[in-house]
């Protein structure tokens, strides 16, 4: 038996989107850098790095750590990240800048 007063927090669907917070999250997505991509018959993965969060291996559909971004496409020289709701939709492109 559960004791005490337990209430679930309800979100008002008509509450406006916190645009300043969304702006900060958008800038955070642009801080990621594409370090490499692996395209194979079994899937697509990419290695990305962030100055504060370090290096991560990601795949299509994964949510980025400490972010409201999701990987939506991986190509050999670019990766596309989408801002997740409730923020306004935005696509961020990261391009591979390999050495010569």
C-alpha atoms as a PDB file:
ATOM      1  CA  UNK A   1       0.000   0.000   0.000  1.00  0.00           C
ATOM      2  CA  UNK A   2       1.293   3.447  -0.933  1.00  0.00           C
ATOM      3  CA  UNK A   3       0.999   6.066   1.746  1.00  0.00           C
ATOM      4  CA  UNK A   4       1.175   9.816   1.423  1.00  0.00           C
ATOM      5  CA  UNK A   5      -0.185  12.205  -1.139  1.00  0.00           C
ATOM      6  CA  UNK A   6       1.181  11.319  -4.582  1.00  0.00           C
ATOM      7  CA  UNK A   7       0.120  13.475  -7.523  1.00  0.00           C
ATOM      8  CA  UNK A   8       1.234  13.321 -11.114  1.00  0.00           C
ATOM      9  CA  UNK A   9       2.367  16.598 -12.604  1.00  0.00           C
ATOM     10  CA  UNK A  10       0.121  17.621 -15.455  1.00  0.00           C
ATOM     11  CA  UNK A  11       1.332  19.738 -18.346  1.00  0.00           C
ATOM     12  CA  UNK A  12      -1.037  22.247 -19.837  1.00  0.00           C
ATOM     13  CA  UNK A  13      -1.162  21.511 -23.595  1.00  0.00           C
ATOM     14  CA  UNK A  14      -1.962  25.180 -24.224  1.00  0.00           C
ATOM     15  CA  UNK A  15       1.053  26.449 -22.314  1.00  0.00           C
ATOM     16  CA  UNK A  16       3.382  28.366 -24.662  1.00  0.00           C
ATOM     17  CA  UNK A  17       6.707  26.816 -25.673  1.00  0.00           C
ATOM     18  CA  UNK A  18       9.688  28.086 -23.680  1.00  0.00           C
ATOM     19  CA  UNK A  19      11.458  29.735 -26.651  1.00  0.00           C
ATOM     20  CA  UNK A  20      14.525  30.934 -24.689  1.00  0.00           C
ATOM     21  CA  UNK A  21      15.121  27.347 -23.520  1.00  0.00           C
ATOM     22  CA  UNK A  22      14.639  26.084 -27.092  1.00  0.00           C
ATOM     23  CA  UNK A  23      17.175  28.632 -28.329  1.00  0.00           C
ATOM     24  CA  UNK A  24      19.761  27.361 -25.823  1.00  0.00           C
ATOM     25  CA  UNK A  25      19.076  23.743 -26.853  1.00  0.00           C
ATOM     26  CA  UNK A  26      19.449  24.658 -30.540  1.00  0.00           C
ATOM     27  CA  UNK A  27      22.833  26.258 -29.918  1.00  0.00           C
ATOM     28  CA  UNK A  28      23.857  23.146 -27.982  1.00  0.00           C
ATOM     29  CA  UNK A  29      23.185  20.982 -31.042  1.00  0.00           C
ATOM     30  CA  UNK A  30      25.473  23.155 -33.149  1.00  0.00           C
ATOM     31  CA  UNK A  31      28.363  22.480 -30.755  1.00  0.00           C
ATOM     32  CA  UNK A  32      28.525  18.815 -31.821  1.00  0.00           C
ATOM     33  CA  UNK A  33      31.136  17.937 -34.451  1.00  0.00           C
ATOM     34  CA  UNK A  34      31.061  14.991 -36.836  1.00  0.00           C
ATOM     35  CA  UNK A  35      34.264  12.976 -36.536  1.00  0.00           C
ATOM     36  CA  UNK A  36      33.404  10.047 -38.800  1.00  0.00           C
ATOM     37  CA  UNK A  37      30.666   7.836 -40.206  1.00  0.00           C
ATOM     38  CA  UNK A  38      30.314   4.125 -40.842  1.00  0.00           C
ATOM     39  CA  UNK A  39      27.843   3.017 -43.499  1.00  0.00           C
ATOM     40  CA  UNK A  40      27.311  -0.722 -43.773  1.00  0.00           C
ATOM     41  CA  UNK A  41      24.651  -3.205 -44.769  1.00  0.00           C
ATOM     42  CA  UNK A  42      23.638  -3.536 -41.140  1.00  0.00           C
ATOM     43  CA  UNK A  43      23.152   0.178 -40.501  1.00  0.00           C
ATOM     44  CA  UNK A  44      24.652   3.603 -40.196  1.00  0.00           C
ATOM     45  CA  UNK A  45      26.596   4.938 -37.248  1.00  0.00           C
ATOM     46  CA  UNK A  46      28.529   8.124 -36.629  1.00  0.00           C
ATOM     47  CA  UNK A  47      31.109   9.331 -34.160  1.00  0.00           C
ATOM     48  CA  UNK A  48      30.391  12.833 -32.880  1.00  0.00           C
ATOM     49  CA  UNK A  49      32.114  14.940 -30.250  1.00  0.00           C
ATOM     50  CA  UNK A  50      31.106  17.819 -28.025  1.00  0.00           C
ATOM     51  CA  UNK A  51      33.452  20.095 -26.068  1.00  0.00           C
ATOM     52  CA  UNK A  52      31.720  19.313 -22.754  1.00  0.00           C
ATOM     53  CA  UNK A  53      30.049  15.938 -23.334  1.00  0.00           C
ATOM     54  CA  UNK A  54      32.921  14.137 -25.040  1.00  0.00           C
ATOM     55  CA  UNK A  55      32.824  11.644 -27.906  1.00  0.00           C
ATOM     56  CA  UNK A  56      29.733   9.521 -28.591  1.00  0.00           C
ATOM     57  CA  UNK A  57      28.752   6.848 -31.101  1.00  0.00           C
ATOM     58  CA  UNK A  58      25.243   7.450 -32.447  1.00  0.00           C
ATOM     59  CA  UNK A  59      22.818   5.833 -34.861  1.00  0.00           C
ATOM     60  CA  UNK A  60      19.716   7.035 -36.680  1.00  0.00           C
ATOM     61  CA  UNK A  61      16.850   7.511 -34.244  1.00  0.00           C
ATOM     62  CA  UNK A  62      19.023   8.039 -31.167  1.00  0.00           C
ATOM     63  CA  UNK A  63      18.516  11.022 -28.910  1.00  0.00           C
ATOM     64  CA  UNK A  64      21.666  12.973 -28.141  1.00  0.00           C
ATOM     65  CA  UNK A  65      22.806  12.959 -24.508  1.00  0.00           C
ATOM     66  CA  UNK A  66      21.823  16.024 -22.439  1.00  0.00           C
ATOM     67  CA  UNK A  67      19.991  17.484 -25.398  1.00  0.00           C
ATOM     68  CA  UNK A  68      16.655  17.772 -27.115  1.00  0.00           C
ATOM     69  CA  UNK A  69      18.138  16.609 -30.401  1.00  0.00           C
ATOM     70  CA  UNK A  70      17.734  13.381 -32.299  1.00  0.00           C
ATOM     71  CA  UNK A  71      19.798  11.873 -35.108  1.00  0.00           C
ATOM     72  CA  UNK A  72      17.577  11.669 -38.186  1.00  0.00           C
ATOM     73  CA  UNK A  73      20.052  10.873 -40.966  1.00  0.00           C
ATOM     74  CA  UNK A  74      23.662   9.787 -41.355  1.00  0.00           C
ATOM     75  CA  UNK A  75      25.597  10.094 -44.605  1.00  0.00           C
ATOM     76  CA  UNK A  76      29.280   9.581 -45.301  1.00  0.00           C
ATOM     77  CA  UNK A  77      30.155  13.268 -44.876  1.00  0.00           C
ATOM     78  CA  UNK A  78      27.211  14.673 -42.917  1.00  0.00           C
ATOM     79  CA  UNK A  79      24.744  13.961 -40.143  1.00  0.00           C
ATOM     80  CA  UNK A  80      21.348  15.556 -39.624  1.00  0.00           C
ATOM     81  CA  UNK A  81      19.991  16.326 -36.178  1.00  0.00           C
ATOM     82  CA  UNK A  82      16.408  17.386 -35.469  1.00  0.00           C
ATOM     83  CA  UNK A  83      15.217  19.441 -32.529  1.00  0.00           C
ATOM     84  CA  UNK A  84      12.624  17.456 -30.587  1.00  0.00           C
ATOM     85  CA  UNK A  85       9.196  18.784 -29.557  1.00  0.00           C
ATOM     86  CA  UNK A  86       7.967  20.859 -27.859  1.00  0.00           C
ATOM     87  CA  UNK A  87      10.524  23.193 -29.436  1.00  0.00           C
ATOM     88  CA  UNK A  88       9.825  24.406 -32.974  1.00  0.00           C
ATOM     89  CA  UNK A  89      11.127  21.970 -35.588  1.00  0.00           C
ATOM     90  CA  UNK A  90      14.627  22.684 -36.848  1.00  0.00           C
ATOM     91  CA  UNK A  91      17.234  20.601 -38.656  1.00  0.00           C
ATOM     92  CA  UNK A  92      20.931  21.010 -37.836  1.00  0.00           C
ATOM     93  CA  UNK A  93      23.545  19.689 -40.273  1.00  0.00           C
ATOM     94  CA  UNK A  94      26.983  18.613 -39.094  1.00  0.00           C
ATOM     95  CA  UNK A  95      29.575  18.151 -41.818  1.00  0.00           C
ATOM     96  CA  UNK A  96      32.712  16.027 -41.741  1.00  0.00           C
ATOM     97  CA  UNK A  97      35.827  18.114 -42.214  1.00  0.00           C
ATOM     98  CA  UNK A  98      38.494  15.476 -42.677  1.00  0.00           C
ATOM     99  CA  UNK A  99      42.161  16.278 -42.961  1.00  0.00           C
ATOM    100  CA  UNK A 100      43.907  16.172 -46.313  1.00  0.00           C
END
